[in-house]
PDB file of N, CA and C in Angstrom:
ATOM      1  N   MET A   1      80.443   8.097 113.391  1.00  0.00           N
ATOM      2  CA  MET A   1      80.744   8.164 111.976  1.00  0.00           C
ATOM      3  C   MET A   1      82.262   8.191 111.831  1.00  0.00           C
ATOM      4  N   ASN A   2      82.791   7.214 111.129  1.00  0.00           N
ATOM      5  CA  ASN A   2      84.242   7.188 110.966  1.00  0.00           C
ATOM      6  C   ASN A   2      84.648   7.892 109.673  1.00  0.00           C
ATOM      7  N   MET A   3      85.919   7.985 109.440  1.00  0.00           N
ATOM      8  CA  MET A   3      86.457   8.755 108.314  1.00  0.00           C
ATOM      9  C   MET A   3      86.065   8.155 106.964  1.00  0.00           C
ATOM     10  N   THR A   4      85.897   6.878 106.868  1.00  0.00           N
ATOM     11  CA  THR A   4      85.526   6.283 105.580  1.00  0.00           C
ATOM     12  C   THR A   4      84.105   6.677 105.201  1.00  0.00           C
ATOM     13  N   LYS A   5      83.229   6.787 106.179  1.00  0.00           N
ATOM     14  CA  LYS A   5      81.856   7.200 105.884  1.00  0.00           C
ATOM     15  C   LYS A   5      81.821   8.661 105.448  1.00  0.00           C
ATOM     16  N   VAL A   6      82.633   9.514 106.076  1.00  0.00           N
ATOM     17  CA  VAL A   6      82.672  10.923 105.708  1.00  0.00           C
ATOM     18  C   VAL A   6      83.190  11.068 104.286  1.00  0.00           C
ATOM     19  N   SER A   7      84.232  10.329 103.965  1.00  0.00           N
ATOM     20  CA  SER A   7      84.772  10.428 102.606  1.00  0.00           C
ATOM     21  C   SER A   7      83.796   9.847 101.586  1.00  0.00           C
ATOM     22  N   ASP A   8      83.039   8.821 101.966  1.00  0.00           N
ATOM     23  CA  ASP A   8      82.021   8.286 101.060  1.00  0.00           C
ATOM     24  C   ASP A   8      80.927   9.311 100.795  1.00  0.00           C
ATOM     25  N   VAL A   9      80.517  10.057 101.839  1.00  0.00           N
ATOM     26  CA  VAL A   9      79.486  11.074 101.677  1.00  0.00           C
ATOM     27  C   VAL A   9      80.002  12.178 100.764  1.00  0.00           C
ATOM     28  N   LEU A  10      81.261  12.573 100.944  1.00  0.00           N
ATOM     29  CA  LEU A  10      81.841  13.619 100.095  1.00  0.00           C
ATOM     30  C   LEU A  10      81.946  13.171  98.642  1.00  0.00           C
ATOM     31  N   ARG A  11      82.260  11.934  98.405  1.00  0.00           N
ATOM     32  CA  ARG A  11      82.356  11.430  97.031  1.00  0.00           C
ATOM     33  C   ARG A  11      80.988  11.349  96.373  1.00  0.00           C
ATOM     34  N   ARG A  12      79.987  10.958  97.139  1.00  0.00           N
ATOM     35  CA  ARG A  12      78.655  10.807  96.573  1.00  0.00           C
ATOM     36  C   ARG A  12      78.023  12.161  96.269  1.00  0.00           C
ATOM     37  N   SER A  13      78.234  13.108  97.147  1.00  0.00           N
ATOM     38  CA  SER A  13      77.646  14.417  96.928  1.00  0.00           C
ATOM     39  C   SER A  13      78.607  15.242  96.097  1.00  0.00           C
ATOM     40  N   ARG A  14      78.163  15.619  94.938  1.00  0.00           N
ATOM     41  CA  ARG A  14      79.014  16.322  93.980  1.00  0.00           C
ATOM     42  C   ARG A  14      79.305  17.745  94.425  1.00  0.00           C
ATOM     43  N   TYR A  15      78.357  18.391  95.042  1.00  0.00           N
ATOM     44  CA  TYR A  15      78.492  19.801  95.366  1.00  0.00           C
ATOM     45  C   TYR A  15      78.797  20.075  96.838  1.00  0.00           C
ATOM     46  N   LEU A  16      78.774  19.060  97.671  1.00  0.00           N
ATOM     47  CA  LEU A  16      78.983  19.253  99.097  1.00  0.00           C
ATOM     48  C   LEU A  16      80.368  19.829  99.396  1.00  0.00           C
ATOM     49  N   LYS A  17      81.393  19.357  98.700  1.00  0.00           N
ATOM     50  CA  LYS A  17      82.731  19.877  98.962  1.00  0.00           C
ATOM     51  C   LYS A  17      82.835  21.344  98.564  1.00  0.00           C
ATOM     52  N   TYR A  18      82.133  21.750  97.526  1.00  0.00           N
ATOM     53  CA  TYR A  18      82.149  23.155  97.127  1.00  0.00           C
ATOM     54  C   TYR A  18      81.403  24.024  98.140  1.00  0.00           C
ATOM     55  N   VAL A  19      80.313  23.501  98.664  1.00  0.00           N
ATOM     56  CA  VAL A  19      79.553  24.226  99.683  1.00  0.00           C
ATOM     57  C   VAL A  19      80.400  24.394 100.942  1.00  0.00           C
ATOM     58  N   LEU A  20      81.118  23.343 101.324  1.00  0.00           N
ATOM     59  CA  LEU A  20      81.977  23.432 102.499  1.00  0.00           C
ATOM     60  C   LEU A  20      83.109  24.441 102.302  1.00  0.00           C
ATOM     61  N   VAL A  21      83.701  24.456 101.126  1.00  0.00           N
ATOM     62  CA  VAL A  21      84.786  25.398 100.846  1.00  0.00           C
ATOM     63  C   VAL A  21      84.257  26.830 100.854  1.00  0.00           C
ATOM     64  N   VAL A  22      83.087  27.059 100.263  1.00  0.00           N
ATOM     65  CA  VAL A  22      82.502  28.398 100.255  1.00  0.00           C
ATOM     66  C   VAL A  22      82.134  28.822 101.674  1.00  0.00           C
ATOM     67  N   ALA A  23      81.572  27.927 102.458  1.00  0.00           N
ATOM     68  CA  ALA A  23      81.218  28.247 103.844  1.00  0.00           C
ATOM     69  C   ALA A  23      82.472  28.579 104.656  1.00  0.00           C
ATOM     70  N   ALA A  24      83.529  27.813 104.460  1.00  0.00           N
ATOM     71  CA  ALA A  24      84.782  28.101 105.161  1.00  0.00           C
ATOM     72  C   ALA A  24      85.347  29.454 104.716  1.00  0.00           C
ATOM     73  N   GLY A  25      85.247  29.761 103.441  1.00  0.00           N
ATOM     74  CA  GLY A  25      85.726  31.047 102.933  1.00  0.00           C
ATOM     75  C   GLY A  25      84.940  32.211 103.496  1.00  0.00           C
ATOM     76  N   VAL A  26      83.626  32.068 103.576  1.00  0.00           N
ATOM     77  CA  VAL A  26      82.791  33.122 104.142  1.00  0.00           C
ATOM     78  C   VAL A  26      83.108  33.315 105.624  1.00  0.00           C
ATOM     79  N   ALA A  27      83.296  32.231 106.350  1.00  0.00           N
ATOM     80  CA  ALA A  27      83.642  32.330 107.767  1.00  0.00           C
ATOM     81  C   ALA A  27      85.003  32.995 107.939  1.00  0.00           C
ATOM     82  N   LEU A  28      85.937  32.667 107.073  1.00  0.00           N
ATOM     83  CA  LEU A  28      87.269  33.250 107.152  1.00  0.00           C
ATOM     84  C   LEU A  28      87.236  34.747 106.876  1.00  0.00           C
ATOM     85  N   VAL A  29      86.527  35.134 105.850  1.00  0.00           N
ATOM     86  CA  VAL A  29      86.439  36.551 105.498  1.00  0.00           C
ATOM     87  C   VAL A  29      85.600  37.310 106.519  1.00  0.00           C
ATOM     88  N   GLY A  30      84.583  36.693 107.053  1.00  0.00           N
ATOM     89  CA  GLY A  30      83.673  37.383 107.960  1.00  0.00           C
ATOM     90  C   GLY A  30      84.201  37.583 109.362  1.00  0.00           C
ATOM     91  N   PHE A  31      85.058  36.697 109.847  1.00  0.00           N
ATOM     92  CA  PHE A  31      85.406  36.748 111.261  1.00  0.00           C
ATOM     93  C   PHE A  31      86.894  36.755 111.572  1.00  0.00           C
ATOM     94  N   VAL A  32      87.759  36.569 110.591  1.00  0.00           N
ATOM     95  CA  VAL A  32      89.190  36.486 110.856  1.00  0.00           C
ATOM     96  C   VAL A  32      89.914  37.581 110.076  1.00  0.00           C
ATOM     97  N   GLY A  33      90.872  38.198 110.714  1.00  0.00           N
ATOM     98  CA  GLY A  33      91.696  39.193 110.042  1.00  0.00           C
ATOM     99  C   GLY A  33      91.196  40.604 110.260  1.00  0.00           C
ATOM    100  N   GLU A  34      92.039  41.577 109.871  1.00  0.00           N
ATOM    101  CA  GLU A  34      91.679  42.971 110.084  1.00  0.00           C
ATOM    102  C   GLU A  34      90.670  43.481 109.065  1.00  0.00           C
ATOM    103  N   ASN A  35      90.483  42.805 107.978  1.00  0.00           N
ATOM    104  CA  ASN A  35      89.501  43.219 106.975  1.00  0.00           C
ATOM    105  C   ASN A  35      88.189  42.456 107.100  1.00  0.00           C
ATOM    106  N   SER A  36      87.955  41.850 108.247  1.00  0.00           N
ATOM    107  CA  SER A  36      86.730  41.090 108.454  1.00  0.00           C
ATOM    108  C   SER A  36      85.555  42.032 108.679  1.00  0.00           C
ATOM    109  N   ILE A  37      84.385  41.471 108.668  1.00  0.00           N
ATOM    110  CA  ILE A  37      83.170  42.247 108.905  1.00  0.00           C
ATOM    111  C   ILE A  37      83.181  42.822 110.321  1.00  0.00           C
ATOM    112  N   LEU A  38      83.614  42.024 111.286  1.00  0.00           N
ATOM    113  CA  LEU A  38      83.704  42.513 112.665  1.00  0.00           C
ATOM    114  C   LEU A  38      84.709  43.657 112.770  1.00  0.00           C
ATOM    115  N   GLY A  39      85.810  43.551 112.034  1.00  0.00           N
ATOM    116  CA  GLY A  39      86.788  44.641 112.021  1.00  0.00           C
ATOM    117  C   GLY A  39      86.205  45.916 111.453  1.00  0.00           C
ATOM    118  N   HIS A  40      85.406  45.789 110.398  1.00  0.00           N
ATOM    119  CA  HIS A  40      84.764  46.964 109.808  1.00  0.00           C
ATOM    120  C   HIS A  40      83.772  47.605 110.781  1.00  0.00           C
ATOM    121  N   ILE A  41      83.033  46.791 111.493  1.00  0.00           N
ATOM    122  CA  ILE A  41      82.076  47.326 112.472  1.00  0.00           C
ATOM    123  C   ILE A  41      82.816  48.078 113.580  1.00  0.00           C
ATOM    124  N   ASN A  42      83.905  47.482 114.084  1.00  0.00           N
ATOM    125  CA  ASN A  42      84.696  48.151 115.122  1.00  0.00           C
ATOM    126  C   ASN A  42      85.294  49.456 114.606  1.00  0.00           C
ATOM    127  N   ASN A  43      85.779  49.441 113.370  1.00  0.00           N
ATOM    128  CA  ASN A  43      86.362  50.658 112.790  1.00  0.00           C
ATOM    129  C   ASN A  43      85.317  51.753 112.625  1.00  0.00           C
ATOM    130  N   LYS A  44      84.109  51.388 112.243  1.00  0.00           N
ATOM    131  CA  LYS A  44      83.050  52.394 112.106  1.00  0.00           C
ATOM    132  C   LYS A  44      82.698  53.008 113.456  1.00  0.00           C
ATOM    133  N   GLN A  45      82.693  52.213 114.516  1.00  0.00           N
ATOM    134  CA  GLN A  45      82.437  52.742 115.854  1.00  0.00           C
ATOM    135  C   GLN A  45      83.536  53.705 116.276  1.00  0.00           C
ATOM    136  N   LYS A  46      84.788  53.345 116.007  1.00  0.00           N
ATOM    137  CA  LYS A  46      85.899  54.232 116.346  1.00  0.00           C
ATOM    138  C   LYS A  46      85.817  55.532 115.557  1.00  0.00           C
ATOM    139  N   ILE A  47      85.453  55.438 114.288  1.00  0.00           N
ATOM    140  CA  ILE A  47      85.321  56.635 113.462  1.00  0.00           C
ATOM    141  C   ILE A  47      84.239  57.549 114.020  1.00  0.00           C
ATOM    142  N   ALA A  48      83.125  56.985 114.443  1.00  0.00           N
ATOM    143  CA  ALA A  48      82.040  57.791 115.007  1.00  0.00           C
ATOM    144  C   ALA A  48      82.497  58.484 116.297  1.00  0.00           C
ATOM    145  N   GLU A  49      83.228  57.771 117.153  1.00  0.00           N
ATOM    146  CA  GLU A  49      83.729  58.373 118.392  1.00  0.00           C
ATOM    147  C   GLU A  49      84.716  59.500 118.083  1.00  0.00           C
ATOM    148  N   LEU A  50      85.604  59.261 117.143  1.00  0.00           N
ATOM    149  CA  LEU A  50      86.591  60.283 116.789  1.00  0.00           C
ATOM    150  C   LEU A  50      85.929  61.496 116.148  1.00  0.00           C
ATOM    151  N   GLN A  51      84.861  61.267 115.383  1.00  0.00           N
ATOM    152  CA  GLN A  51      84.146  62.390 114.775  1.00  0.00           C
ATOM    153  C   GLN A  51      83.481  63.243 115.843  1.00  0.00           C
ATOM    154  N   GLU A  52      82.953  62.597 116.888  1.00  0.00           N
ATOM    155  CA  GLU A  52      82.376  63.350 118.007  1.00  0.00           C
ATOM    156  C   GLU A  52      83.441  64.205 118.689  1.00  0.00           C
ATOM    157  N   GLU A  53      84.649  63.633 118.872  1.00  0.00           N
ATOM    158  CA  GLU A  53      85.740  64.406 119.461  1.00  0.00           C
ATOM    159  C   GLU A  53      86.128  65.578 118.573  1.00  0.00           C
ATOM    160  N   ILE A  54      86.174  65.350 117.269  1.00  0.00           N
ATOM    161  CA  ILE A  54      86.505  66.421 116.333  1.00  0.00           C
ATOM    162  C   ILE A  54      85.482  67.533 116.431  1.00  0.00           C
ATOM    163  N   ASP A  55      84.215  67.181 116.483  1.00  0.00           N
ATOM    164  CA  ASP A  55      83.161  68.188 116.592  1.00  0.00           C
ATOM    165  C   ASP A  55      83.286  68.975 117.896  1.00  0.00           C
ATOM    166  N   TYR A  56      83.574  68.274 118.994  1.00  0.00           N
ATOM    167  CA  TYR A  56      83.724  68.941 120.281  1.00  0.00           C
ATOM    168  C   TYR A  56      84.874  69.946 120.235  1.00  0.00           C
ATOM    169  N   TYR A  57      86.024  69.499 119.762  1.00  0.00           N
ATOM    170  CA  TYR A  57      87.185  70.384 119.732  1.00  0.00           C
ATOM    171  C   TYR A  57      87.036  71.494 118.705  1.00  0.00           C
ATOM    172  N   GLN A  58      86.317  71.236 117.634  1.00  0.00           N
ATOM    173  CA  GLN A  58      86.048  72.294 116.657  1.00  0.00           C
ATOM    174  C   GLN A  58      85.190  73.393 117.282  1.00  0.00           C
ATOM    175  N   GLY A  59      84.183  73.003 118.042  1.00  0.00           N
ATOM    176  CA  GLY A  59      83.356  73.980 118.740  1.00  0.00           C
ATOM    177  C   GLY A  59      84.156  74.761 119.770  1.00  0.00           C
ATOM    178  N   GLN A  60      85.017  74.063 120.506  1.00  0.00           N
ATOM    179  CA  GLN A  60      85.856  74.730 121.492  1.00  0.00           C
ATOM    180  C   GLN A  60      86.812  75.702 120.793  1.00  0.00           C
ATOM    181  N   TYR A  61      87.360  75.301 119.670  1.00  0.00           N
ATOM    182  CA  TYR A  61      88.256  76.167 118.902  1.00  0.00           C
ATOM    183  C   TYR A  61      87.532  77.434 118.447  1.00  0.00           C
ATOM    184  N   GLU A  62      86.308  77.276 117.954  1.00  0.00           N
ATOM    185  CA  GLU A  62      85.547  78.433 117.490  1.00  0.00           C
ATOM    186  C   GLU A  62      85.226  79.386 118.637  1.00  0.00           C
ATOM    187  N   ARG A  63      84.871  78.851 119.814  1.00  0.00           N
ATOM    188  CA  ARG A  63      84.616  79.700 120.979  1.00  0.00           C
ATOM    189  C   ARG A  63      85.879  80.462 121.377  1.00  0.00           C
ATOM    190  N   ASP A  64      87.005  79.772 121.378  1.00  0.00           N
ATOM    191  CA  ASP A  64      88.256  80.430 121.750  1.00  0.00           C
ATOM    192  C   ASP A  64      88.659  81.489 120.728  1.00  0.00           C
ATOM    193  N   MET A  65      88.427  81.221 119.456  1.00  0.00           N
ATOM    194  CA  MET A  65      88.746  82.217 118.428  1.00  0.00           C
ATOM    195  C   MET A  65      87.858  83.451 118.582  1.00  0.00           C
ATOM    196  N   ASP A  66      86.594  83.251 118.936  1.00  0.00           N
ATOM    197  CA  ASP A  66      85.708  84.396 119.183  1.00  0.00           C
ATOM    198  C   ASP A  66      86.218  85.230 120.360  1.00  0.00           C
ATOM    199  N   LYS A  67      86.685  84.556 121.426  1.00  0.00           N
ATOM    200  CA  LYS A  67      87.245  85.278 122.562  1.00  0.00           C
ATOM    201  C   LYS A  67      88.483  86.068 122.148  1.00  0.00           C
ATOM    202  N   LEU A  68      89.335  85.448 121.335  1.00  0.00           N
ATOM    203  CA  LEU A  68      90.542  86.149 120.894  1.00  0.00           C
ATOM    204  C   LEU A  68      90.200  87.369 120.036  1.00  0.00           C
ATOM    205  N   ARG A  69      89.243  87.214 119.137  1.00  0.00           N
ATOM    206  CA  ARG A  69      88.822  88.356 118.314  1.00  0.00           C
ATOM    207  C   ARG A  69      88.264  89.473 119.187  1.00  0.00           C
ATOM    208  N   ARG A  70      87.502  89.077 120.196  1.00  0.00           N
ATOM    209  CA  ARG A  70      86.934  90.073 121.111  1.00  0.00           C
ATOM    210  C   ARG A  70      88.034  90.771 121.897  1.00  0.00           C
ATOM    211  N   LEU A  71      89.038  90.016 122.324  1.00  0.00           N
ATOM    212  CA  LEU A  71      90.149  90.627 123.046  1.00  0.00           C
ATOM    213  C   LEU A  71      90.938  91.593 122.166  1.00  0.00           C
ATOM    214  N   ASP A  72      91.055  91.276 120.874  1.00  0.00           N
ATOM    215  CA  ASP A  72      91.785  92.153 119.959  1.00  0.00           C
ATOM    216  C   ASP A  72      91.028  93.440 119.675  1.00  0.00           C
ATOM    217  N   THR A  73      89.716  93.390 119.679  1.00  0.00           N
ATOM    218  CA  THR A  73      88.936  94.549 119.260  1.00  0.00           C
ATOM    219  C   THR A  73      88.304  95.333 120.406  1.00  0.00           C
ATOM    220  N   ASP A  74      88.071  94.705 121.537  1.00  0.00           N
ATOM    221  CA  ASP A  74      87.316  95.347 122.618  1.00  0.00           C
ATOM    222  C   ASP A  74      88.185  95.472 123.867  1.00  0.00           C
ATOM    223  N   PRO A  75      88.595  96.669 124.237  1.00  0.00           N
ATOM    224  CA  PRO A  75      89.417  96.822 125.441  1.00  0.00           C
ATOM    225  C   PRO A  75      88.662  96.473 126.720  1.00  0.00           C
ATOM    226  N   LYS A  76      87.354  96.567 126.696  1.00  0.00           N
ATOM    227  CA  LYS A  76      86.572  96.207 127.880  1.00  0.00           C
ATOM    228  C   LYS A  76      86.664  94.701 128.148  1.00  0.00           C
ATOM    229  N   ALA A  77      86.886  93.911 127.121  1.00  0.00           N
ATOM    230  CA  ALA A  77      86.999  92.466 127.297  1.00  0.00           C
ATOM    231  C   ALA A  77      88.231  92.117 128.113  1.00  0.00           C
ATOM    232  N   ILE A  78      89.324  92.847 127.895  1.00  0.00           N
ATOM    233  CA  ILE A  78      90.539  92.599 128.666  1.00  0.00           C
ATOM    234  C   ILE A  78      90.292  92.896 130.139  1.00  0.00           C
ATOM    235  N   VAL A  79      89.633  94.006 130.421  1.00  0.00           N
ATOM    236  CA  VAL A  79      89.323  94.373 131.800  1.00  0.00           C
ATOM    237  C   VAL A  79      88.406  93.318 132.424  1.00  0.00           C
ATOM    238  N   GLU A  80      87.428  92.852 131.661  1.00  0.00           N
ATOM    239  CA  GLU A  80      86.489  91.852 132.172  1.00  0.00           C
ATOM    240  C   GLU A  80      87.211  90.560 132.544  1.00  0.00           C
ATOM    241  N   ILE A  81      88.097  90.096 131.674  1.00  0.00           N
ATOM    242  CA  ILE A  81      88.828  88.854 131.954  1.00  0.00           C
ATOM    243  C   ILE A  81      89.766  89.052 133.133  1.00  0.00           C
ATOM    244  N   ALA A  82      90.435  90.193 133.192  1.00  0.00           N
ATOM    245  CA  ALA A  82      91.338  90.452 134.309  1.00  0.00           C
ATOM    246  C   ALA A  82      90.576  90.457 135.630  1.00  0.00           C
ATOM    247  N   ARG A  83      89.394  91.002 135.640  1.00  0.00           N
ATOM    248  CA  ARG A  83      88.605  91.043 136.879  1.00  0.00           C
ATOM    249  C   ARG A  83      88.060  89.665 137.248  1.00  0.00           C
ATOM    250  N   GLU A  84      87.523  88.946 136.267  1.00  0.00           N
ATOM    251  CA  GLU A  84      86.863  87.675 136.569  1.00  0.00           C
ATOM    252  C   GLU A  84      87.844  86.557 136.874  1.00  0.00           C
ATOM    253  N   HIS A  85      88.884  86.444 136.086  1.00  0.00           N
ATOM    254  CA  HIS A  85      89.766  85.283 136.225  1.00  0.00           C
ATOM    255  C   HIS A  85      90.977  85.533 137.111  1.00  0.00           C
ATOM    256  N   TYR A  86      91.452  86.752 137.160  1.00  0.00           N
ATOM    257  CA  TYR A  86      92.675  87.034 137.906  1.00  0.00           C
ATOM    258  C   TYR A  86      92.437  87.933 139.116  1.00  0.00           C
ATOM    259  N   PHE A  87      91.192  88.258 139.403  1.00  0.00           N
ATOM    260  CA  PHE A  87      90.780  89.040 140.569  1.00  0.00           C
ATOM    261  C   PHE A  87      91.518  90.380 140.658  1.00  0.00           C
ATOM    262  N   MET A  88      91.761  90.984 139.539  1.00  0.00           N
ATOM    263  CA  MET A  88      92.386  92.305 139.527  1.00  0.00           C
ATOM    264  C   MET A  88      91.313  93.358 139.802  1.00  0.00           C
ATOM    265  N   LYS A  89      91.756  94.513 140.312  1.00  0.00           N
ATOM    266  CA  LYS A  89      90.792  95.531 140.698  1.00  0.00           C
ATOM    267  C   LYS A  89      91.407  96.906 140.514  1.00  0.00           C
ATOM    268  N   ASN A  90      90.557  97.887 140.554  1.00  0.00           N
ATOM    269  CA  ASN A  90      91.035  99.263 140.597  1.00  0.00           C
ATOM    270  C   ASN A  90      91.494  99.565 142.021  1.00  0.00           C
ATOM    271  N   GLU A  91      92.228 100.651 142.186  1.00  0.00           N
ATOM    272  CA  GLU A  91      92.775 100.958 143.514  1.00  0.00           C
ATOM    273  C   GLU A  91      91.695 101.290 144.534  1.00  0.00           C
ATOM    274  N   ASP A  92      90.583 101.834 144.114  1.00  0.00           N
ATOM    275  CA  ASP A  92      89.544 102.236 145.060  1.00  0.00           C
ATOM    276  C   ASP A  92      88.473 101.157 145.254  1.00  0.00           C
ATOM    277  N   GLU A  93      88.753  99.916 144.846  1.00  0.00           N
ATOM    278  CA  GLU A  93      87.763  98.842 144.951  1.00  0.00           C
ATOM    279  C   GLU A  93      88.242  97.764 145.917  1.00  0.00           C
ATOM    280  N   ASP A  94      87.282  97.043 146.464  1.00  0.00           N
ATOM    281  CA  ASP A  94      87.565  95.856 147.257  1.00  0.00           C
ATOM    282  C   ASP A  94      86.921  94.674 146.566  1.00  0.00           C
ATOM    283  N   ILE A  95      87.562  93.525 146.650  1.00  0.00           N
ATOM    284  CA  ILE A  95      87.036  92.322 146.010  1.00  0.00           C
ATOM    285  C   ILE A  95      86.682  91.323 147.092  1.00  0.00           C
ATOM    286  N   PHE A  96      85.487  90.777 146.986  1.00  0.00           N
ATOM    287  CA  PHE A  96      85.033  89.719 147.869  1.00  0.00           C
ATOM    288  C   PHE A  96      84.767  88.497 147.004  1.00  0.00           C
ATOM    289  N   VAL A  97      85.453  87.426 147.285  1.00  0.00           N
ATOM    290  CA  VAL A  97      85.283  86.186 146.527  1.00  0.00           C
ATOM    291  C   VAL A  97      84.330  85.306 147.306  1.00  0.00           C
ATOM    292  N   LEU A  98      83.207  85.004 146.707  1.00  0.00           N
ATOM    293  CA  LEU A  98      82.203  84.157 147.324  1.00  0.00           C
ATOM    294  C   LEU A  98      82.275  82.776 146.694  1.00  0.00           C
ATOM    295  N   SER A  99      82.177  81.775 147.513  1.00  0.00           N
ATOM    296  CA  SER A  99      82.253  80.416 147.019  1.00  0.00           C
ATOM    297  C   SER A  99      80.999  79.668 147.434  1.00  0.00           C
ATOM    298  N   ASP A 100      80.482  78.870 146.559  1.00  0.00           N
ATOM    299  CA  ASP A 100      79.309  78.075 146.891  1.00  0.00           C
ATOM    300  C   ASP A 100      79.691  76.625 147.182  1.00  0.00           C
ATOM    301  N   ASP A 101      80.989  76.385 147.378  1.00  0.00           N
ATOM    302  CA  ASP A 101      81.438  75.041 147.728  1.00  0.00           C
ATOM    303  C   ASP A 101      80.987  74.713 149.142  1.00  0.00           C
ATOM    304  N   ARG A 102      80.497  73.530 149.306  1.00  0.00           N
ATOM    305  CA  ARG A 102      80.071  73.093 150.626  1.00  0.00           C
ATOM    306  C   ARG A 102      81.194  72.296 151.255  1.00  0.00           C
ATOM    307  N   ARG A 103      81.445  72.565 152.512  1.00  0.00           N
ATOM    308  CA  ARG A 103      82.495  71.828 153.199  1.00  0.00           C
ATOM    309  C   ARG A 103      81.998  70.420 153.508  1.00  0.00           C
ATOM    310  N   THR A 104      82.883  69.482 153.333  1.00  0.00           N
ATOM    311  CA  THR A 104      82.527  68.113 153.671  1.00  0.00           C
ATOM    312  C   THR A 104      82.806  67.896 155.150  1.00  0.00           C
ATOM    313  N   THR A 105      81.987  67.088 155.772  1.00  0.00           N
ATOM    314  CA  THR A 105      82.183  66.814 157.192  1.00  0.00           C
ATOM    315  C   THR A 105      83.357  65.864 157.330  1.00  0.00           C
ATOM    316  N   THR A 106      84.268  66.200 158.208  1.00  0.00           N
ATOM    317  CA  THR A 106      85.432  65.351 158.436  1.00  0.00           C
ATOM    318  C   THR A 106      85.306  64.676 159.773  1.00  0.00           C
ATOM    319  N   ASN A 107      85.879  63.539 159.854  1.00  0.00           N
ATOM    320  CA  ASN A 107      85.869  62.787 161.094  1.00  0.00           C
ATOM    321  C   ASN A 107      86.994  63.317 161.971  1.00  0.00           C
ATOM    322  N   ASP A 108      86.681  63.760 163.183  1.00  0.00           N
ATOM    323  CA  ASP A 108      87.681  64.323 164.073  1.00  0.00           C
ATOM    324  C   ASP A 108      88.520  63.242 164.758  1.00  0.00           C
ATOM    325  N   TYR A 109      88.186  62.030 164.534  1.00  0.00           N
ATOM    326  CA  TYR A 109      88.911  60.932 165.160  1.00  0.00           C
ATOM    327  C   TYR A 109      90.261  60.790 164.470  1.00  0.00           C
ATOM    328  N   ASN A 110      91.330  60.846 165.248  1.00  0.00           N
ATOM    329  CA  ASN A 110      92.676  60.731 164.707  1.00  0.00           C
ATOM    330  C   ASN A 110      93.286  59.448 165.224  1.00  0.00           C
ATOM    331  N   GLU A 111      93.593  58.535 164.341  1.00  0.00           N
ATOM    332  CA  GLU A 111      94.128  57.244 164.742  1.00  0.00           C
ATOM    333  C   GLU A 111      95.516  57.354 165.341  1.00  0.00           C
ATOM    334  N   THR A 112      96.303  58.308 164.855  1.00  0.00           N
ATOM    335  CA  THR A 112      97.674  58.401 165.309  1.00  0.00           C
ATOM    336  C   THR A 112      97.797  59.069 166.668  1.00  0.00           C
ATOM    337  N   ALA A 113      96.737  59.690 167.160  1.00  0.00           N
ATOM    338  CA  ALA A 113      96.805  60.395 168.440  1.00  0.00           C
ATOM    339  C   ALA A 113      96.713  59.458 169.630  1.00  0.00           C
ATOM    340  N   GLU A 114      96.301  58.246 169.426  1.00  0.00           N
ATOM    341  CA  GLU A 114      96.131  57.319 170.541  1.00  0.00           C
ATOM    342  C   GLU A 114      97.437  56.730 170.990  1.00  0.00           C
TER     343      GLU A 114
END
């Protein structure tokens, strides 16, 4: 089909050029630019991910605030944290730290020793 036939078809069809312009406009709005439909879908996904992060950090903030309130009001909480996290003890006590970490097997072969 050469260009003269295409132009003849466009001249004969009264509404074909309008349909083509509308189709091109819809394609342009739907798939090109930052305000496209694909852009909106991507933005909604990012918003959902960020909202999950906000919820996570909000929960962490609330837990930490509860710990701070407990530390301000309960002197036993300070002793508990000092014992658990910093291994502090009274003078007449001994502390034994038990670990459930399993040692990984290492290869005794040393390449540099040869």
